[in-house]
């Protein structure tokens, strides 16, 4: 049972890291006016955020929230 809990926590941590990465890439695409890339990254960020469980969302920092709120998704 302890292994399952650890795996769930690891998955949440990895999904949060992925969301941060995609949000950062989205900001970079916006600053370069790369519209097609921006569109695809918005879709990717939405998909990642949909996969994050509630306990993992509780670990969001204010910087994470600010970065993700810059997108039209959140």
N, C-alpha and C. Protein backbone atom coordinates (compact mmCIF):
# COMPACT_ATOMS: atom_id res chain seq x y z
N UNK A 1 0.81 -1.19 0.00
CA UNK A 1 0.00 0.00 0.00
C UNK A 1 0.86 1.26 0.00
N UNK A 2 1.97 1.22 0.69
CA UNK A 2 2.85 2.37 0.74
C UNK A 2 3.44 2.68 -0.63
N UNK A 3 3.69 1.64 -1.42
CA UNK A 3 4.23 1.84 -2.76
C UNK A 3 3.22 2.58 -3.63
N UNK A 4 1.96 2.21 -3.54
CA UNK A 4 0.93 2.87 -4.33
C UNK A 4 0.83 4.35 -3.98
N UNK A 5 0.90 4.70 -2.71
CA UNK A 5 0.84 6.09 -2.29
C UNK A 5 2.03 6.86 -2.84
N UNK A 6 3.21 6.26 -2.78
CA UNK A 6 4.40 6.90 -3.30
C UNK A 6 4.29 7.11 -4.80
N UNK A 7 3.78 6.13 -5.52
CA UNK A 7 3.62 6.24 -6.96
C UNK A 7 2.64 7.35 -7.31
N UNK A 8 1.57 7.47 -6.57
CA UNK A 8 0.58 8.51 -6.81
C UNK A 8 1.19 9.89 -6.56
N UNK A 9 1.94 10.01 -5.48
CA UNK A 9 2.60 11.29 -5.16
C UNK A 9 3.63 11.64 -6.23
N UNK A 10 4.40 10.64 -6.68
CA UNK A 10 5.39 10.88 -7.74
C UNK A 10 4.71 11.32 -9.03
N UNK A 11 3.59 10.69 -9.35
CA UNK A 11 2.87 11.07 -10.58
C UNK A 11 2.40 12.51 -10.48
N UNK A 12 1.86 12.88 -9.33
CA UNK A 12 1.40 14.26 -9.14
C UNK A 12 2.54 15.25 -9.26
N UNK A 13 3.67 14.92 -8.67
CA UNK A 13 4.84 15.80 -8.75
C UNK A 13 5.32 15.94 -10.18
N UNK A 14 5.35 14.84 -10.91
CA UNK A 14 5.78 14.87 -12.30
C UNK A 14 4.80 15.65 -13.17
N UNK A 15 3.50 15.50 -12.92
CA UNK A 15 2.52 16.25 -13.70
C UNK A 15 2.64 17.75 -13.43
N UNK A 16 2.89 18.12 -12.18
CA UNK A 16 3.07 19.54 -11.86
C UNK A 16 4.31 20.09 -12.56
N UNK A 17 5.38 19.31 -12.58
CA UNK A 17 6.60 19.74 -13.26
C UNK A 17 6.34 19.90 -14.76
N UNK A 18 5.58 19.00 -15.32
CA UNK A 18 5.24 19.08 -16.74
C UNK A 18 4.38 20.31 -17.02
N UNK A 19 3.44 20.61 -16.14
CA UNK A 19 2.59 21.79 -16.30
C UNK A 19 3.44 23.06 -16.26
N UNK A 20 4.41 23.11 -15.35
CA UNK A 20 5.30 24.27 -15.27
C UNK A 20 6.11 24.43 -16.56
N UNK A 21 6.60 23.31 -17.06
CA UNK A 21 7.39 23.32 -18.29
C UNK A 21 6.57 23.82 -19.47
N UNK A 22 5.37 23.30 -19.61
CA UNK A 22 4.51 23.69 -20.73
C UNK A 22 4.09 25.16 -20.59
N UNK A 23 3.78 25.60 -19.37
CA UNK A 23 3.41 27.00 -19.16
C UNK A 23 4.56 27.92 -19.52
N UNK A 24 5.77 27.54 -19.17
CA UNK A 24 6.94 28.34 -19.52
C UNK A 24 7.13 28.39 -21.04
N UNK A 25 6.99 27.23 -21.69
CA UNK A 25 7.13 27.19 -23.15
C UNK A 25 6.04 28.03 -23.82
N UNK A 26 4.84 28.01 -23.26
CA UNK A 26 3.75 28.81 -23.79
C UNK A 26 4.08 30.30 -23.72
N UNK A 27 4.63 30.74 -22.60
CA UNK A 27 5.04 32.14 -22.47
C UNK A 27 6.11 32.49 -23.50
N UNK A 28 7.04 31.59 -23.72
CA UNK A 28 8.10 31.83 -24.71
C UNK A 28 7.51 31.94 -26.11
N UNK A 29 6.57 31.06 -26.43
CA UNK A 29 5.93 31.10 -27.75
C UNK A 29 5.18 32.41 -27.95
N UNK A 30 4.52 32.87 -26.90
CA UNK A 30 3.80 34.15 -26.99
C UNK A 30 4.75 35.31 -27.25
N UNK A 31 5.87 35.31 -26.56
CA UNK A 31 6.82 36.41 -26.72
C UNK A 31 7.44 36.42 -28.11
N UNK A 32 7.44 35.27 -28.79
CA UNK A 32 7.98 35.19 -30.15
C UNK A 32 6.89 35.28 -31.21
N UNK A 33 5.65 35.51 -30.80
CA UNK A 33 4.52 35.56 -31.73
C UNK A 33 4.43 34.31 -32.60
N UNK A 34 4.68 33.16 -32.00
CA UNK A 34 4.58 31.88 -32.70
C UNK A 34 3.17 31.33 -32.47
N UNK A 35 2.22 31.80 -33.28
CA UNK A 35 0.80 31.53 -33.04
C UNK A 35 0.44 30.05 -33.07
N UNK A 36 0.96 29.31 -34.02
CA UNK A 36 0.61 27.89 -34.11
C UNK A 36 1.18 27.13 -32.91
N UNK A 37 2.42 27.44 -32.55
CA UNK A 37 3.04 26.80 -31.38
C UNK A 37 2.26 27.18 -30.12
N UNK A 38 1.88 28.44 -30.02
CA UNK A 38 1.11 28.91 -28.87
C UNK A 38 -0.21 28.15 -28.75
N UNK A 39 -0.89 27.97 -29.86
CA UNK A 39 -2.15 27.23 -29.86
C UNK A 39 -1.95 25.80 -29.36
N UNK A 40 -0.93 25.13 -29.89
CA UNK A 40 -0.67 23.74 -29.49
C UNK A 40 -0.28 23.65 -28.02
N UNK A 41 0.51 24.57 -27.54
CA UNK A 41 0.93 24.55 -26.14
C UNK A 41 -0.25 24.85 -25.20
N UNK A 42 -1.18 25.70 -25.63
CA UNK A 42 -2.38 25.94 -24.83
C UNK A 42 -3.17 24.65 -24.67
N UNK A 43 -3.30 23.91 -25.76
CA UNK A 43 -4.00 22.62 -25.71
C UNK A 43 -3.25 21.65 -24.79
N UNK A 44 -1.94 21.62 -24.91
CA UNK A 44 -1.13 20.72 -24.07
C UNK A 44 -1.25 21.08 -22.60
N UNK A 45 -1.22 22.37 -22.28
CA UNK A 45 -1.34 22.79 -20.89
C UNK A 45 -2.70 22.42 -20.33
N UNK A 46 -3.73 22.62 -21.11
CA UNK A 46 -5.08 22.23 -20.67
C UNK A 46 -5.13 20.73 -20.36
N UNK A 47 -4.54 19.93 -21.23
CA UNK A 47 -4.55 18.47 -21.04
C UNK A 47 -3.78 18.08 -19.78
N UNK A 48 -2.63 18.70 -19.56
CA UNK A 48 -1.84 18.38 -18.37
C UNK A 48 -2.59 18.80 -17.12
N UNK A 49 -3.16 19.99 -17.11
CA UNK A 49 -3.88 20.47 -15.93
C UNK A 49 -5.08 19.58 -15.62
N UNK A 50 -5.72 19.06 -16.66
CA UNK A 50 -6.86 18.15 -16.45
C UNK A 50 -6.44 16.84 -15.79
N UNK A 51 -5.17 16.46 -15.96
CA UNK A 51 -4.68 15.19 -15.42
C UNK A 51 -4.13 15.30 -14.00
N UNK A 52 -4.01 16.52 -13.49
CA UNK A 52 -3.43 16.71 -12.16
C UNK A 52 -4.50 16.49 -11.10
N UNK A 53 -4.19 15.64 -10.13
CA UNK A 53 -5.15 15.36 -9.06
C UNK A 53 -5.19 16.49 -8.04
N UNK A 54 -6.24 16.52 -7.26
CA UNK A 54 -6.46 17.61 -6.30
C UNK A 54 -5.33 17.74 -5.27
N UNK A 55 -4.84 16.65 -4.67
CA UNK A 55 -3.74 16.82 -3.71
C UNK A 55 -2.50 17.48 -4.33
N UNK A 56 -2.22 17.18 -5.59
CA UNK A 56 -1.07 17.80 -6.25
C UNK A 56 -1.32 19.27 -6.53
N UNK A 57 -2.56 19.63 -6.84
CA UNK A 57 -2.89 21.04 -7.07
C UNK A 57 -2.63 21.88 -5.83
N UNK A 58 -2.74 21.25 -4.66
CA UNK A 58 -2.52 21.97 -3.41
C UNK A 58 -1.05 22.38 -3.25
N UNK A 59 -0.15 21.80 -4.03
CA UNK A 59 1.27 22.14 -3.94
C UNK A 59 1.66 23.29 -4.85
N UNK A 60 0.71 23.84 -5.58
CA UNK A 60 1.01 24.96 -6.46
C UNK A 60 1.55 26.14 -5.65
N UNK A 61 2.60 26.74 -6.16
CA UNK A 61 3.13 27.94 -5.53
C UNK A 61 2.50 29.16 -6.18
N UNK A 62 2.68 30.30 -5.59
CA UNK A 62 2.13 31.53 -6.19
C UNK A 62 2.76 31.79 -7.55
N UNK A 63 4.03 31.46 -7.71
CA UNK A 63 4.69 31.62 -9.01
C UNK A 63 4.06 30.71 -10.06
N UNK A 64 3.74 29.47 -9.67
CA UNK A 64 3.08 28.55 -10.59
C UNK A 64 1.74 29.12 -11.04
N UNK A 65 0.98 29.59 -10.10
CA UNK A 65 -0.35 30.11 -10.40
C UNK A 65 -0.25 31.33 -11.31
N UNK A 66 0.69 32.22 -11.03
CA UNK A 66 0.86 33.40 -11.88
C UNK A 66 1.24 33.00 -13.29
N UNK A 67 2.17 32.05 -13.44
CA UNK A 67 2.60 31.60 -14.75
C UNK A 67 1.45 30.95 -15.51
N UNK A 68 0.70 30.08 -14.84
CA UNK A 68 -0.39 29.39 -15.51
C UNK A 68 -1.58 30.31 -15.77
N UNK A 69 -1.77 31.33 -14.96
CA UNK A 69 -2.87 32.26 -15.18
C UNK A 69 -2.63 33.19 -16.35
N UNK A 70 -1.41 33.29 -16.81
CA UNK A 70 -1.13 34.11 -17.98
C UNK A 70 -1.72 33.49 -19.24
N UNK A 71 -2.00 32.20 -19.16
CA UNK A 71 -2.63 31.55 -20.31
C UNK A 71 -4.14 31.80 -20.22
N UNK A 72 -4.82 31.62 -21.32
CA UNK A 72 -6.27 31.85 -21.35
C UNK A 72 -7.02 30.67 -20.75
N UNK A 73 -6.32 29.68 -20.25
CA UNK A 73 -6.95 28.44 -19.81
C UNK A 73 -7.42 28.46 -18.38
N UNK A 74 -6.71 29.14 -17.51
CA UNK A 74 -6.95 29.03 -16.08
C UNK A 74 -7.76 30.20 -15.56
